[in-house]
């Protein structure tokens, strides 16, 4: 199963790490408004980096949305 993570702050990084450790799961991509953070996490977990969450649509089977709510 291909997955993505939207929001790779402190909690989102854990989602990316856990997904990368599950044999049946491919961490396909990560997305964050902080491009440098997204690039770093993508590199750490051998995933693609996206600047817009809409770019993940149709490319993954599931997405974790890990963003703060007001």
N, C-alpha and C. Protein backbone atom coordinates (compact mmCIF):
# COMPACT_ATOMS: atom_id res chain seq x y z
N UNK A 1 0.84 -1.17 0.00
CA UNK A 1 0.00 0.00 0.00
C UNK A 1 0.90 1.24 0.00
N UNK A 2 0.60 2.19 -0.85
CA UNK A 2 1.32 3.46 -0.91
C UNK A 2 0.62 4.48 -0.02
N UNK A 3 1.42 5.16 0.82
CA UNK A 3 0.84 6.17 1.71
C UNK A 3 1.61 7.48 1.61
N UNK A 4 0.96 8.53 2.06
CA UNK A 4 1.58 9.84 2.14
C UNK A 4 1.30 10.45 3.50
N UNK A 5 2.12 11.42 3.87
CA UNK A 5 1.91 12.14 5.12
C UNK A 5 1.86 13.63 4.79
N UNK A 6 0.78 14.27 5.18
CA UNK A 6 0.62 15.71 5.01
C UNK A 6 0.85 16.35 6.37
N UNK A 7 1.90 17.14 6.46
CA UNK A 7 2.30 17.76 7.71
C UNK A 7 3.35 16.92 8.40
N UNK A 8 4.61 17.32 8.27
CA UNK A 8 5.69 16.53 8.86
C UNK A 8 6.43 17.32 9.94
N UNK A 9 5.63 17.95 10.81
CA UNK A 9 6.20 18.57 12.00
C UNK A 9 6.56 17.46 12.97
N UNK A 10 6.60 17.75 14.26
CA UNK A 10 7.06 16.75 15.22
C UNK A 10 6.22 15.48 15.21
N UNK A 11 4.91 15.58 15.16
CA UNK A 11 4.07 14.38 15.15
C UNK A 11 4.05 13.71 13.77
N UNK A 12 4.01 14.50 12.72
CA UNK A 12 4.00 13.95 11.36
C UNK A 12 5.26 13.16 11.04
N UNK A 13 6.38 13.58 11.62
CA UNK A 13 7.63 12.84 11.41
C UNK A 13 7.51 11.42 11.96
N UNK A 14 6.79 11.27 13.07
CA UNK A 14 6.58 9.93 13.64
C UNK A 14 5.72 9.08 12.71
N UNK A 15 4.70 9.69 12.10
CA UNK A 15 3.88 8.95 11.14
C UNK A 15 4.77 8.45 10.00
N UNK A 16 5.62 9.32 9.47
CA UNK A 16 6.51 8.94 8.37
C UNK A 16 7.44 7.81 8.80
N UNK A 17 8.01 7.92 9.98
CA UNK A 17 8.93 6.89 10.48
C UNK A 17 8.23 5.54 10.61
N UNK A 18 7.04 5.55 11.22
CA UNK A 18 6.31 4.30 11.43
C UNK A 18 5.93 3.67 10.09
N UNK A 19 5.41 4.47 9.17
CA UNK A 19 5.07 3.94 7.85
C UNK A 19 6.29 3.32 7.17
N UNK A 20 7.44 3.98 7.31
CA UNK A 20 8.65 3.47 6.64
C UNK A 20 9.12 2.15 7.22
N UNK A 21 8.66 1.80 8.42
CA UNK A 21 9.08 0.56 9.07
C UNK A 21 8.11 -0.60 8.84
N UNK A 22 6.98 -0.34 8.23
CA UNK A 22 5.99 -1.40 7.99
C UNK A 22 6.28 -2.03 6.63
N UNK A 23 6.61 -3.32 6.60
CA UNK A 23 7.01 -3.96 5.34
C UNK A 23 5.97 -3.87 4.22
N UNK A 24 4.69 -3.90 4.55
CA UNK A 24 3.64 -3.90 3.54
C UNK A 24 3.31 -2.50 3.03
N UNK A 25 3.98 -1.49 3.57
CA UNK A 25 3.66 -0.09 3.26
C UNK A 25 4.84 0.59 2.59
N UNK A 26 4.55 1.37 1.56
CA UNK A 26 5.55 2.22 0.93
C UNK A 26 5.22 3.67 1.26
N UNK A 27 6.13 4.32 1.98
CA UNK A 27 5.96 5.75 2.23
C UNK A 27 6.31 6.45 0.92
N UNK A 28 5.29 6.81 0.18
CA UNK A 28 5.47 7.36 -1.16
C UNK A 28 5.88 8.82 -1.14
N UNK A 29 5.23 9.62 -0.28
CA UNK A 29 5.53 11.04 -0.29
C UNK A 29 5.13 11.74 0.98
N UNK A 30 5.76 12.89 1.20
CA UNK A 30 5.43 13.74 2.33
C UNK A 30 5.20 15.16 1.82
N UNK A 31 4.39 15.89 2.55
CA UNK A 31 4.05 17.25 2.15
C UNK A 31 4.04 18.14 3.39
N UNK A 32 4.58 19.33 3.26
CA UNK A 32 4.55 20.29 4.36
C UNK A 32 4.68 21.69 3.77
N UNK A 33 4.10 22.68 4.45
CA UNK A 33 4.23 24.06 3.98
C UNK A 33 5.68 24.55 4.12
N UNK A 34 6.43 23.92 5.02
CA UNK A 34 7.85 24.22 5.17
C UNK A 34 8.62 23.29 4.22
N UNK A 35 8.98 23.82 3.06
CA UNK A 35 9.60 23.00 2.01
C UNK A 35 10.89 22.34 2.49
N UNK A 36 11.71 23.05 3.24
CA UNK A 36 12.97 22.47 3.72
C UNK A 36 12.72 21.30 4.65
N UNK A 37 11.71 21.43 5.51
CA UNK A 37 11.38 20.33 6.42
C UNK A 37 10.90 19.12 5.62
N UNK A 38 10.03 19.36 4.65
CA UNK A 38 9.52 18.26 3.83
C UNK A 38 10.66 17.57 3.07
N UNK A 39 11.59 18.36 2.54
CA UNK A 39 12.74 17.78 1.82
C UNK A 39 13.58 16.91 2.75
N UNK A 40 13.81 17.39 3.96
CA UNK A 40 14.62 16.64 4.93
C UNK A 40 13.96 15.31 5.29
N UNK A 41 12.67 15.35 5.60
CA UNK A 41 11.97 14.12 5.99
C UNK A 41 11.88 13.16 4.81
N UNK A 42 11.60 13.69 3.63
CA UNK A 42 11.54 12.84 2.43
C UNK A 42 12.88 12.13 2.21
N UNK A 43 13.96 12.87 2.35
CA UNK A 43 15.29 12.28 2.17
C UNK A 43 15.56 11.22 3.24
N UNK A 44 15.21 11.52 4.49
CA UNK A 44 15.45 10.58 5.59
C UNK A 44 14.74 9.25 5.39
N UNK A 45 13.56 9.29 4.76
CA UNK A 45 12.75 8.09 4.64
C UNK A 45 12.58 7.63 3.19
N UNK A 46 13.44 8.13 2.31
CA UNK A 46 13.45 7.71 0.91
C UNK A 46 12.07 7.85 0.26
N UNK A 47 11.48 9.02 0.43
CA UNK A 47 10.16 9.31 -0.13
C UNK A 47 10.26 10.55 -1.01
N UNK A 48 9.19 10.85 -1.70
CA UNK A 48 9.14 12.06 -2.51
C UNK A 48 8.63 13.22 -1.66
N UNK A 49 9.03 14.42 -2.04
CA UNK A 49 8.60 15.62 -1.34
C UNK A 49 7.62 16.38 -2.21
N UNK A 50 6.53 16.83 -1.60
CA UNK A 50 5.52 17.61 -2.31
C UNK A 50 5.26 18.90 -1.55
N UNK A 51 4.99 19.97 -2.28
CA UNK A 51 4.68 21.26 -1.67
C UNK A 51 3.18 21.46 -1.51
N UNK A 52 2.40 20.70 -2.27
CA UNK A 52 0.95 20.83 -2.25
C UNK A 52 0.34 19.45 -2.05
N UNK A 53 -0.49 19.31 -1.03
CA UNK A 53 -1.07 18.00 -0.73
C UNK A 53 -1.88 17.45 -1.91
N UNK A 54 -2.39 18.32 -2.76
CA UNK A 54 -3.19 17.87 -3.90
C UNK A 54 -2.38 17.01 -4.86
N UNK A 55 -1.06 17.18 -4.84
CA UNK A 55 -0.19 16.39 -5.71
C UNK A 55 -0.17 14.91 -5.31
N UNK A 56 -0.56 14.60 -4.08
CA UNK A 56 -0.59 13.21 -3.63
C UNK A 56 -1.85 12.48 -4.09
N UNK A 57 -2.90 13.23 -4.37
CA UNK A 57 -4.18 12.62 -4.75
C UNK A 57 -4.01 11.79 -6.02
N UNK A 58 -4.50 10.56 -5.95
CA UNK A 58 -4.41 9.65 -7.08
C UNK A 58 -3.10 8.88 -7.16
N UNK A 59 -2.14 9.25 -6.31
CA UNK A 59 -0.84 8.57 -6.32
C UNK A 59 -0.66 7.65 -5.12
N UNK A 60 -1.52 7.79 -4.12
CA UNK A 60 -1.41 6.99 -2.90
C UNK A 60 -2.75 6.34 -2.56
N UNK A 61 -2.67 5.31 -1.73
CA UNK A 61 -3.87 4.61 -1.29
C UNK A 61 -4.44 5.22 0.00
N UNK A 62 -3.57 5.86 0.78
CA UNK A 62 -4.00 6.44 2.06
C UNK A 62 -3.09 7.62 2.40
N UNK A 63 -3.63 8.54 3.20
CA UNK A 63 -2.87 9.72 3.62
C UNK A 63 -3.12 9.96 5.10
N UNK A 64 -2.05 10.23 5.83
CA UNK A 64 -2.18 10.74 7.20
C UNK A 64 -2.13 12.25 7.11
N UNK A 65 -3.14 12.90 7.65
CA UNK A 65 -3.16 14.36 7.69
C UNK A 65 -2.84 14.76 9.12
N UNK A 66 -1.63 15.30 9.30
CA UNK A 66 -1.12 15.56 10.64
C UNK A 66 -0.80 17.06 10.75
N UNK A 67 -1.86 17.84 10.85
CA UNK A 67 -1.71 19.29 10.93
C UNK A 67 -2.48 19.81 12.14
N UNK A 68 -2.02 20.91 12.72
CA UNK A 68 -2.74 21.46 13.87
C UNK A 68 -4.08 22.06 13.44
N UNK A 69 -5.01 22.03 14.35
CA UNK A 69 -6.31 22.66 14.09
C UNK A 69 -6.46 23.85 15.03
N UNK A 70 -7.11 24.89 14.55
CA UNK A 70 -7.27 26.08 15.42
C UNK A 70 -8.24 25.83 16.55
